[in-house]
N, C-alpha and C. Protein backbone atom coordinates (compact mmCIF):
# COMPACT_ATOMS: atom_id res chain seq x y z
N UNK A 1 8.04 -16.76 21.89
CA UNK A 1 8.45 -15.34 21.65
C UNK A 1 7.91 -14.91 20.20
N UNK A 2 8.11 -16.09 19.32
CA UNK A 2 7.64 -15.67 17.94
C UNK A 2 6.11 -15.58 17.83
N UNK A 3 5.42 -16.44 18.73
CA UNK A 3 3.92 -16.30 18.76
C UNK A 3 3.55 -14.85 19.21
N UNK A 4 4.22 -14.21 20.06
CA UNK A 4 3.89 -12.97 20.44
C UNK A 4 4.24 -12.00 19.33
N UNK A 5 5.39 -12.09 18.67
CA UNK A 5 5.64 -11.22 17.50
C UNK A 5 4.54 -11.46 16.39
N UNK A 6 4.01 -12.51 16.09
CA UNK A 6 3.20 -12.87 15.16
C UNK A 6 1.76 -12.26 15.47
N UNK A 7 1.34 -12.40 16.77
CA UNK A 7 0.17 -11.72 17.34
C UNK A 7 0.28 -10.26 17.24
N UNK A 8 1.44 -9.80 17.49
CA UNK A 8 1.71 -8.16 17.44
C UNK A 8 1.38 -7.72 15.91
N UNK A 9 2.06 -8.50 14.99
CA UNK A 9 1.97 -7.99 13.72
C UNK A 9 0.57 -8.19 13.09
N UNK A 10 -0.25 -9.19 13.58
CA UNK A 10 -1.58 -9.42 13.08
C UNK A 10 -2.48 -8.15 13.74
N UNK A 11 -2.11 -7.88 15.08
CA UNK A 11 -2.86 -6.90 15.50
C UNK A 11 -2.67 -5.60 15.00
N UNK A 12 -1.39 -5.36 14.80
CA UNK A 12 -0.94 -4.07 14.04
C UNK A 12 -1.58 -3.87 12.71
N UNK A 13 -1.68 -4.93 11.95
CA UNK A 13 -2.16 -4.86 10.64
C UNK A 13 -3.63 -4.65 10.69
N UNK A 14 -4.42 -5.35 11.54
CA UNK A 14 -5.76 -5.02 11.72
C UNK A 14 -6.18 -3.84 12.27
N UNK A 15 -5.48 -3.37 13.47
CA UNK A 15 -5.90 -2.01 14.02
C UNK A 15 -5.43 -0.86 13.16
N UNK A 16 -4.19 -0.95 12.58
CA UNK A 16 -3.84 0.07 11.82
C UNK A 16 -4.55 0.15 10.62
N UNK A 17 -5.17 -0.82 10.19
CA UNK A 17 -6.14 -0.81 9.07
C UNK A 17 -7.42 -0.07 9.24
N UNK A 18 -7.57 0.29 10.51
CA UNK A 18 -9.08 0.78 11.00
C UNK A 18 -9.04 2.34 10.93
N UNK A 19 -10.14 3.37 9.65
CA UNK A 19 -9.97 4.92 9.80
C UNK A 19 -11.09 5.75 9.09
N UNK A 20 -11.03 6.95 9.21
CA UNK A 20 -11.91 7.75 8.50
C UNK A 20 -11.12 8.84 7.77
N UNK A 21 -9.88 8.62 7.69
CA UNK A 21 -8.97 9.72 7.19
C UNK A 21 -7.80 9.04 6.40
N UNK A 22 -7.60 9.45 5.18
CA UNK A 22 -6.44 9.14 4.39
C UNK A 22 -5.70 10.40 4.00
N UNK A 23 -4.52 10.51 4.10
CA UNK A 23 -3.94 11.72 3.82
C UNK A 23 -3.75 11.73 2.24
N UNK A 24 -3.53 12.92 1.78
CA UNK A 24 -3.59 12.99 0.18
C UNK A 24 -2.21 13.03 -0.34
N UNK A 25 -1.28 13.52 0.48
CA UNK A 25 0.17 13.50 -0.20
C UNK A 25 1.10 12.88 0.57
N UNK A 26 2.26 12.39 -0.06
CA UNK A 26 3.34 12.04 0.64
C UNK A 26 4.40 12.90 0.49
N UNK A 27 5.55 12.61 1.18
CA UNK A 27 6.62 13.43 1.15
C UNK A 27 6.35 15.08 1.57
N UNK A 28 5.49 15.20 2.45
CA UNK A 28 5.17 16.61 2.75
C UNK A 28 6.45 17.33 3.25
N UNK A 29 6.45 18.53 2.93
CA UNK A 29 7.80 19.28 3.19
C UNK A 29 8.69 19.34 2.09
N UNK A 30 8.65 18.27 1.22
CA UNK A 30 9.53 18.21 0.12
C UNK A 30 8.79 18.32 -1.09
N UNK A 31 7.62 17.71 -1.24
CA UNK A 31 6.94 17.67 -2.53
C UNK A 31 6.54 19.07 -2.96
N UNK A 32 6.21 19.95 -2.13
CA UNK A 32 6.01 21.42 -2.72
C UNK A 32 7.23 22.28 -2.87
N UNK A 33 8.43 21.71 -2.79
CA UNK A 33 9.62 22.59 -2.82
C UNK A 33 9.95 22.77 -4.29
N UNK A 34 10.87 23.63 -4.79
CA UNK A 34 11.49 23.95 -6.01
C UNK A 34 12.40 22.70 -6.40
N UNK A 35 12.71 21.81 -5.43
CA UNK A 35 13.62 20.62 -5.78
C UNK A 35 12.78 19.43 -5.74
N UNK A 36 11.47 19.40 -5.86
CA UNK A 36 10.88 18.12 -5.83
C UNK A 36 10.79 17.40 -7.27
N UNK A 37 11.17 18.18 -8.32
CA UNK A 37 11.38 17.46 -9.60
C UNK A 37 10.11 16.91 -10.12
N UNK A 38 10.34 15.74 -10.50
CA UNK A 38 9.30 14.80 -11.03
C UNK A 38 8.29 14.47 -10.13
N UNK A 39 8.47 14.20 -8.77
CA UNK A 39 7.53 13.98 -7.74
C UNK A 39 6.70 15.26 -7.58
N UNK A 40 7.07 16.37 -7.79
CA UNK A 40 6.25 17.73 -7.58
C UNK A 40 4.98 17.58 -8.49
N UNK A 41 5.09 16.86 -9.74
CA UNK A 41 3.99 16.75 -10.50
C UNK A 41 2.60 16.28 -9.90
N UNK A 42 2.89 15.33 -9.13
CA UNK A 42 1.67 14.71 -8.40
C UNK A 42 0.97 15.78 -7.42
N UNK A 43 1.58 16.76 -6.97
CA UNK A 43 1.12 17.54 -5.86
C UNK A 43 0.58 18.90 -6.65
N UNK A 44 1.43 19.40 -7.64
CA UNK A 44 1.06 20.53 -8.36
C UNK A 44 1.97 20.56 -9.63
N UNK A 45 1.15 20.14 -10.55
CA UNK A 45 1.71 19.95 -12.05
C UNK A 45 2.42 21.11 -12.50
N UNK A 46 2.13 22.39 -12.26
CA UNK A 46 2.77 23.47 -12.56
C UNK A 46 4.18 23.71 -12.01
N UNK A 47 4.28 23.11 -10.91
CA UNK A 47 5.69 23.22 -10.16
C UNK A 47 6.95 22.88 -10.86
N UNK A 48 6.81 22.05 -11.95
CA UNK A 48 7.92 21.65 -12.84
C UNK A 48 8.43 22.80 -13.50
N UNK A 49 7.63 23.80 -13.93
CA UNK A 49 7.97 25.09 -14.70
C UNK A 49 9.07 25.73 -13.93
N UNK A 50 9.08 25.68 -12.63
CA UNK A 50 10.19 26.56 -11.67
C UNK A 50 11.13 25.58 -10.96
N UNK A 51 11.31 24.29 -11.69
CA UNK A 51 12.20 23.41 -11.13
C UNK A 51 13.52 23.80 -11.11
N UNK A 52 14.33 23.41 -10.24
CA UNK A 52 15.70 23.63 -10.11
C UNK A 52 16.64 22.74 -10.82
N UNK A 53 16.01 21.73 -11.27
CA UNK A 53 16.64 20.61 -12.18
C UNK A 53 16.46 20.79 -13.77
N UNK A 54 17.47 20.61 -14.42
CA UNK A 54 17.41 20.43 -15.79
C UNK A 54 16.53 19.21 -16.20
N UNK A 55 16.96 18.09 -15.70
CA UNK A 55 16.19 16.92 -15.91
C UNK A 55 16.25 16.16 -14.60
N UNK A 56 15.09 15.55 -14.22
CA UNK A 56 14.79 14.75 -13.06
C UNK A 56 14.15 13.40 -13.44
N UNK A 57 14.74 12.28 -12.94
CA UNK A 57 14.20 10.95 -13.19
C UNK A 57 13.95 10.27 -12.07
N UNK A 58 12.75 9.93 -11.91
CA UNK A 58 12.11 8.94 -10.71
C UNK A 58 11.96 7.69 -11.23
N UNK A 59 12.77 6.52 -10.60
CA UNK A 59 12.70 5.21 -11.18
C UNK A 59 11.48 4.55 -10.28
N UNK A 60 11.63 4.56 -8.89
CA UNK A 60 10.66 4.03 -8.22
C UNK A 60 10.84 4.59 -6.76
N UNK A 61 9.60 5.12 -6.23
CA UNK A 61 9.58 5.67 -4.89
C UNK A 61 8.18 5.25 -4.25
N UNK A 62 7.99 5.52 -3.07
CA UNK A 62 6.71 5.40 -2.60
C UNK A 62 6.45 5.90 -1.16
N UNK A 63 5.22 5.89 -0.76
CA UNK A 63 4.93 6.36 0.61
C UNK A 63 3.73 5.46 1.08
N UNK A 64 3.77 5.50 2.44
CA UNK A 64 2.80 4.50 3.16
C UNK A 64 2.30 5.41 4.43
N UNK A 65 1.14 5.41 4.64
CA UNK A 65 0.46 6.25 5.59
C UNK A 65 -0.58 5.22 6.43
N UNK A 66 -0.42 5.52 7.84
CA UNK A 66 -1.38 4.46 8.64
C UNK A 66 -2.06 5.45 9.63
N UNK A 67 -3.30 5.22 9.94
CA UNK A 67 -3.99 6.06 11.00
C UNK A 67 -5.02 5.08 11.62
N UNK A 68 -5.24 5.30 12.89
CA UNK A 68 -6.11 4.57 13.68
C UNK A 68 -6.37 5.30 14.98
N UNK A 69 -7.65 5.11 15.59
CA UNK A 69 -7.91 5.80 16.86
C UNK A 69 -7.87 4.67 18.06
N UNK A 70 -7.23 3.42 17.83
CA UNK A 70 -7.23 2.28 18.65
C UNK A 70 -6.08 2.15 19.39
N UNK A 71 -4.91 2.12 18.78
CA UNK A 71 -3.85 1.61 19.35
C UNK A 71 -2.73 2.57 19.07
N UNK A 72 -1.86 2.88 20.05
CA UNK A 72 -0.64 3.78 19.68
C UNK A 72 0.52 3.00 20.06
N UNK A 73 1.64 3.26 19.40
CA UNK A 73 2.98 2.62 19.73
C UNK A 73 3.91 3.66 20.04
N UNK A 74 4.88 3.20 20.95
CA UNK A 74 5.88 4.17 21.22
C UNK A 74 6.91 4.34 20.14
N UNK A 75 7.12 5.48 19.62
CA UNK A 75 8.13 5.55 18.38
C UNK A 75 9.44 5.04 18.77
N UNK A 76 9.87 4.70 19.92
CA UNK A 76 11.18 4.17 20.16
C UNK A 76 11.24 3.00 19.66
N UNK A 77 10.09 2.13 19.59
CA UNK A 77 10.12 0.82 19.08
C UNK A 77 10.40 0.76 17.55
N UNK A 78 10.02 1.65 16.89
CA UNK A 78 10.26 1.77 15.41
C UNK A 78 11.77 2.01 15.14
N UNK A 79 12.40 2.45 15.92
CA UNK A 79 13.83 2.72 15.67
C UNK A 79 14.66 1.61 16.28
N UNK A 80 14.10 0.70 17.10
CA UNK A 80 14.77 -0.40 17.65
C UNK A 80 13.65 -1.67 17.42
N UNK A 81 13.87 -2.32 16.37
CA UNK A 81 13.01 -3.55 16.01
C UNK A 81 13.15 -4.64 17.12
N UNK A 82 14.32 -4.76 17.74
CA UNK A 82 14.61 -5.63 18.75
C UNK A 82 13.51 -5.59 19.97
N UNK A 83 12.97 -4.40 20.13
CA UNK A 83 12.01 -4.36 21.25
C UNK A 83 10.81 -5.10 21.00
N UNK A 84 10.44 -5.49 19.83
CA UNK A 84 9.36 -6.52 19.35
C UNK A 84 9.49 -7.78 20.04
N UNK A 85 10.61 -8.20 20.29
CA UNK A 85 10.84 -9.58 20.97
C UNK A 85 10.92 -9.52 22.48
N UNK A 86 10.93 -8.40 23.04
CA UNK A 86 10.85 -8.25 24.68
C UNK A 86 9.72 -8.77 25.24
N UNK A 87 9.87 -9.50 26.35
CA UNK A 87 8.61 -9.92 27.01
C UNK A 87 7.76 -8.74 27.63
N UNK A 88 6.61 -8.83 27.51
CA UNK A 88 5.78 -7.72 27.97
C UNK A 88 5.67 -6.56 27.02
N UNK A 89 5.95 -6.77 25.86
CA UNK A 89 6.01 -5.83 24.80
C UNK A 89 4.77 -4.90 24.81
N UNK A 90 3.62 -5.55 24.65
CA UNK A 90 2.28 -4.69 24.59
C UNK A 90 2.15 -3.91 25.95
N UNK A 91 2.52 -4.30 27.05
CA UNK A 91 2.31 -3.34 28.38
C UNK A 91 3.37 -2.19 28.30
N UNK A 92 4.43 -2.66 27.62
CA UNK A 92 5.47 -1.49 27.65
C UNK A 92 5.37 -0.41 26.57
N UNK A 93 5.02 -0.92 25.53
CA UNK A 93 5.18 0.02 24.30
C UNK A 93 3.72 0.31 23.62
N UNK A 94 2.63 -0.29 23.88
CA UNK A 94 1.32 0.02 23.19
C UNK A 94 0.53 0.50 24.16
N UNK A 95 -0.39 1.41 23.79
CA UNK A 95 -1.42 2.02 24.32
C UNK A 95 -2.77 1.91 23.63
N UNK A 96 -3.80 1.50 24.36
CA UNK A 96 -5.15 1.22 23.72
C UNK A 96 -6.21 2.20 24.07
N UNK A 97 -6.99 2.61 23.25
CA UNK A 97 -8.03 3.46 23.50
C UNK A 97 -9.36 2.97 22.69
N UNK A 98 -9.78 1.73 23.21
CA UNK A 98 -11.04 1.16 22.75
C UNK A 98 -12.32 1.98 22.83
N UNK A 99 -13.07 2.21 21.76
CA UNK A 99 -14.27 2.98 21.65
C UNK A 99 -15.34 2.20 21.19
N UNK A 100 -16.53 2.70 21.00
CA UNK A 100 -17.60 2.04 20.25
C UNK A 100 -17.45 2.11 18.84
N UNK A 101 -16.75 3.20 18.33
CA UNK A 101 -16.67 3.29 16.89
C UNK A 101 -15.07 3.51 16.52
N UNK A 102 -14.54 2.28 16.33
CA UNK A 102 -13.07 2.24 16.21
C UNK A 102 -12.95 2.25 14.68
N UNK A 103 -11.90 3.06 14.18
CA UNK A 103 -11.67 3.30 12.89
C UNK A 103 -10.11 3.39 12.52
N UNK A 104 -9.91 3.29 11.22
CA UNK A 104 -8.44 3.49 10.84
C UNK A 104 -8.38 3.31 9.23
N UNK A 105 -7.20 3.60 8.80
CA UNK A 105 -6.90 3.43 7.33
C UNK A 105 -5.48 3.24 7.08
N UNK A 106 -5.25 2.69 5.75
CA UNK A 106 -3.82 2.47 5.32
C UNK A 106 -3.93 2.95 4.03
N UNK A 107 -2.97 3.71 3.57
CA UNK A 107 -2.89 4.32 2.19
C UNK A 107 -1.37 4.00 1.70
N UNK A 108 -1.32 3.54 0.48
CA UNK A 108 0.08 3.27 -0.15
C UNK A 108 -0.02 4.00 -1.58
N UNK A 109 1.17 4.67 -1.66
CA UNK A 109 1.40 5.21 -3.02
C UNK A 109 2.73 4.66 -3.42
N UNK A 110 2.73 4.33 -4.83
CA UNK A 110 3.94 3.78 -5.44
C UNK A 110 4.02 4.82 -6.68
N UNK A 111 5.16 5.44 -6.53
CA UNK A 111 5.59 6.24 -7.75
C UNK A 111 6.38 5.58 -8.67
N UNK A 112 5.93 5.36 -9.86
CA UNK A 112 6.70 4.46 -10.90
C UNK A 112 7.46 5.37 -11.60
N UNK A 113 8.06 4.85 -12.84
CA UNK A 113 9.04 5.69 -13.75
C UNK A 113 8.23 7.02 -14.12
N UNK A 114 9.02 7.98 -13.82
CA UNK A 114 8.49 9.37 -14.06
C UNK A 114 9.75 10.22 -14.42
N UNK A 115 9.51 11.27 -15.28
CA UNK A 115 10.59 12.12 -15.53
C UNK A 115 10.07 13.48 -15.82
N UNK A 116 10.93 14.63 -15.71
CA UNK A 116 10.62 15.94 -15.94
C UNK A 116 11.83 16.36 -16.67
N UNK A 117 11.70 17.39 -17.69
CA UNK A 117 12.77 18.04 -18.29
C UNK A 117 12.49 19.49 -18.35
N UNK A 118 13.37 20.40 -18.10
CA UNK A 118 13.24 21.77 -18.29
C UNK A 118 13.54 22.22 -19.55
N UNK A 119 12.57 22.88 -20.30
CA UNK A 119 12.87 23.32 -21.76
C UNK A 119 13.40 24.56 -21.81
N UNK A 120 13.09 25.48 -20.92
CA UNK A 120 13.72 26.89 -20.78
C UNK A 120 13.41 27.45 -19.50
N UNK A 121 13.66 28.67 -19.21
CA UNK A 121 13.29 29.15 -17.87
C UNK A 121 11.81 29.18 -17.37
N UNK A 122 10.98 29.03 -18.28
CA UNK A 122 9.57 29.05 -17.92
C UNK A 122 8.73 27.91 -18.39
N UNK A 123 9.37 26.99 -19.03
CA UNK A 123 8.62 25.72 -19.40
C UNK A 123 9.38 24.50 -19.09
N UNK A 124 8.46 23.39 -18.83
CA UNK A 124 9.09 22.05 -18.64
C UNK A 124 7.98 21.16 -19.05
N UNK A 125 8.48 19.90 -19.41
CA UNK A 125 7.63 18.74 -19.72
C UNK A 125 7.87 17.64 -18.82
N UNK A 126 6.64 16.89 -18.56
CA UNK A 126 6.92 15.66 -17.78
C UNK A 126 5.99 14.64 -18.16
N UNK A 127 6.42 13.30 -17.71
CA UNK A 127 5.55 12.23 -17.86
C UNK A 127 5.66 11.40 -16.45
N UNK A 128 4.58 10.78 -16.01
CA UNK A 128 4.53 10.41 -14.70
C UNK A 128 3.75 9.15 -14.69
N UNK A 129 3.95 8.26 -13.65
CA UNK A 129 3.02 7.06 -13.37
C UNK A 129 3.01 6.87 -11.83
N UNK A 130 1.84 6.51 -11.33
CA UNK A 130 1.66 6.20 -10.05
C UNK A 130 0.64 5.14 -9.89
N UNK A 131 0.82 4.35 -8.73
CA UNK A 131 -0.28 3.39 -8.35
C UNK A 131 -0.60 3.89 -6.79
N UNK A 132 -1.93 3.86 -6.65
CA UNK A 132 -2.33 4.32 -5.32
C UNK A 132 -3.46 3.27 -4.81
N UNK A 133 -3.29 2.97 -3.58
CA UNK A 133 -4.54 2.21 -2.88
C UNK A 133 -4.72 2.61 -1.53
N UNK A 134 -5.80 2.53 -1.03
CA UNK A 134 -6.25 2.70 0.20
C UNK A 134 -7.44 1.79 0.68
N UNK A 135 -7.21 1.53 2.03
CA UNK A 135 -8.27 0.69 2.77
C UNK A 135 -8.65 1.51 4.07
N UNK A 136 -10.01 1.67 4.36
CA UNK A 136 -10.37 2.24 5.63
C UNK A 136 -11.53 1.47 6.24
N UNK A 137 -11.47 1.37 7.43
CA UNK A 137 -12.43 0.71 8.29
C UNK A 137 -12.97 1.68 9.24
N UNK A 138 -14.39 1.57 9.31
CA UNK A 138 -15.16 2.40 10.22
C UNK A 138 -16.17 1.80 11.18
N UNK A 139 -16.33 2.23 12.26
CA UNK A 139 -17.40 1.78 13.30
C UNK A 139 -17.20 0.32 13.57
N UNK A 140 -15.96 -0.24 13.88
CA UNK A 140 -15.66 -1.48 14.51
C UNK A 140 -16.05 -1.61 15.88
N UNK A 141 -16.73 -2.78 16.33
CA UNK A 141 -17.05 -2.88 17.85
C UNK A 141 -15.72 -3.10 18.56
N UNK A 142 -15.91 -2.86 19.89
CA UNK A 142 -14.86 -3.23 20.89
C UNK A 142 -14.57 -4.66 20.79
N UNK A 143 -15.53 -5.52 20.57
CA UNK A 143 -15.31 -6.98 20.49
C UNK A 143 -14.44 -7.45 19.30
N UNK A 144 -14.79 -6.97 18.19
CA UNK A 144 -13.98 -7.22 17.01
C UNK A 144 -12.55 -6.88 17.11
N UNK A 145 -12.28 -5.65 17.75
CA UNK A 145 -10.88 -5.19 17.91
C UNK A 145 -10.28 -5.95 19.00
N UNK A 146 -10.86 -6.40 20.05
CA UNK A 146 -10.35 -7.30 21.17
C UNK A 146 -10.15 -8.73 20.43
N UNK A 147 -10.85 -9.18 19.49
CA UNK A 147 -10.38 -10.36 18.89
C UNK A 147 -9.17 -10.27 18.13
N UNK A 148 -9.02 -9.21 17.25
CA UNK A 148 -7.80 -8.99 16.59
C UNK A 148 -6.74 -8.80 17.56
N UNK A 149 -6.87 -8.10 18.65
CA UNK A 149 -5.83 -7.96 19.62
C UNK A 149 -5.40 -9.19 20.22
N UNK A 150 -6.17 -10.19 20.53
CA UNK A 150 -6.00 -11.39 21.05
C UNK A 150 -5.75 -12.63 19.98
N UNK A 151 -5.51 -12.19 18.95
CA UNK A 151 -5.03 -13.19 17.89
C UNK A 151 -6.33 -13.96 17.54
N UNK A 152 -7.57 -13.48 17.61
CA UNK A 152 -8.68 -14.33 17.27
C UNK A 152 -8.78 -15.44 18.11
N UNK A 153 -8.17 -15.48 19.43
CA UNK A 153 -8.32 -16.72 20.21
C UNK A 153 -9.12 -16.23 21.43
N UNK A 154 -9.88 -15.19 21.44
CA UNK A 154 -10.66 -14.95 22.62
C UNK A 154 -11.74 -15.67 22.83
N UNK A 155 -11.60 -16.52 23.59
CA UNK A 155 -12.85 -17.59 23.89
C UNK A 155 -13.95 -17.21 24.44
N UNK A 156 -13.99 -16.05 25.06
CA UNK A 156 -15.14 -15.51 25.64
C UNK A 156 -16.14 -15.08 24.43
N UNK A 157 -15.55 -14.87 23.34
CA UNK A 157 -16.25 -14.30 22.26
C UNK A 157 -16.68 -15.33 21.25
N UNK A 158 -16.29 -16.74 21.51
CA UNK A 158 -16.50 -17.93 20.62
C UNK A 158 -18.12 -18.22 20.82
N UNK A 159 -18.76 -18.45 19.78
CA UNK A 159 -20.20 -18.74 19.63
C UNK A 159 -21.00 -17.51 20.16
N UNK A 160 -20.64 -16.47 20.06
CA UNK A 160 -21.39 -15.29 20.45
C UNK A 160 -21.66 -14.47 19.05
N UNK A 161 -22.88 -14.12 18.86
CA UNK A 161 -23.25 -13.41 17.73
C UNK A 161 -22.87 -11.96 17.96
N UNK A 162 -22.08 -11.40 16.94
CA UNK A 162 -21.70 -9.98 16.87
C UNK A 162 -22.47 -9.20 15.96
N UNK A 163 -23.06 -8.02 16.30
CA UNK A 163 -23.92 -7.28 15.46
C UNK A 163 -22.99 -6.09 15.00
N UNK A 164 -22.62 -6.17 13.75
CA UNK A 164 -21.73 -5.27 13.13
C UNK A 164 -22.36 -4.40 12.02
N UNK A 165 -23.61 -4.06 12.32
CA UNK A 165 -24.46 -3.50 11.09
C UNK A 165 -24.07 -2.19 10.82
N UNK A 166 -23.12 -1.37 11.70
CA UNK A 166 -22.76 -0.11 11.25
C UNK A 166 -21.13 -0.17 10.81
N UNK A 167 -20.66 -1.38 10.90
CA UNK A 167 -19.30 -1.38 10.37
C UNK A 167 -19.15 -1.25 8.84
N UNK A 168 -18.05 -0.47 8.47
CA UNK A 168 -17.88 -0.31 7.04
C UNK A 168 -16.47 -0.49 6.67
N UNK A 169 -16.24 -1.29 5.40
CA UNK A 169 -14.89 -1.19 4.97
C UNK A 169 -15.06 -0.66 3.46
N UNK A 170 -13.96 0.06 3.10
CA UNK A 170 -13.90 0.68 1.89
C UNK A 170 -12.45 0.46 1.43
N UNK A 171 -12.34 0.15 0.08
CA UNK A 171 -10.95 0.13 -0.48
C UNK A 171 -11.00 0.55 -1.87
N UNK A 172 -10.07 1.04 -2.18
CA UNK A 172 -9.89 1.88 -3.53
C UNK A 172 -8.49 1.51 -4.15
N UNK A 173 -8.19 1.19 -5.41
CA UNK A 173 -7.00 1.13 -5.91
C UNK A 173 -7.18 1.71 -7.46
N UNK A 174 -6.15 2.26 -7.83
CA UNK A 174 -6.12 2.73 -9.24
C UNK A 174 -4.59 3.13 -9.76
N UNK A 175 -4.47 3.24 -10.89
CA UNK A 175 -3.32 3.61 -11.44
C UNK A 175 -3.36 4.92 -12.21
N UNK A 176 -2.36 5.73 -12.20
CA UNK A 176 -2.34 7.13 -12.78
C UNK A 176 -1.16 7.16 -13.80
N UNK A 177 -1.33 7.75 -14.95
CA UNK A 177 -0.43 7.96 -16.00
C UNK A 177 -0.75 9.41 -16.41
N UNK A 178 0.33 10.28 -16.64
CA UNK A 178 0.10 11.58 -16.88
C UNK A 178 1.14 12.27 -17.84
N UNK A 179 0.84 13.21 -18.65
CA UNK A 179 1.82 14.02 -19.18
C UNK A 179 1.59 15.38 -18.84
N UNK A 180 2.60 15.98 -18.37
CA UNK A 180 2.44 17.36 -17.83
C UNK A 180 3.32 18.54 -18.56
N UNK A 181 2.62 19.61 -18.68
CA UNK A 181 3.29 20.71 -19.39
C UNK A 181 3.20 21.84 -18.50
N UNK A 182 4.29 22.30 -18.04
CA UNK A 182 4.10 23.49 -17.09
C UNK A 182 5.09 24.60 -17.51
């Protein structure tokens, strides 16, 4: 049972890492409101000038986005982790759409210590920090995806030369520090 779960996690990490798209903002629906406070500075720095908070402090928060065109998972399983240990998990809760150009991405944003303070009705000052990283994979072949799906134990692909000349992987990581006057 543990081997199935380990294979699933391996498959999930590889396949969910596969994309051509990384979303730009976290906390959508919240980050552009007048109640976003210090986190609103990352989306629109001028938003702190109309904040509903006198002072807002963010110690640590984050966001995680995953995109792929290969595997889908039933949202029910995310609310019930015990389903990962069920026999036949893949057949029940995963759907596959293998193509010639499989892709995906993972993006992680960690919002570090940040604060904003309203100085008067039209002005505010803020200090922010954030770490961002993203990984994207493009044009992975069906064979590579099958290898990841089967835990790299796919014996029919042993000693077979795979041509991945169009496959691409891209990764970026950076830290941001800012002072905002709105």
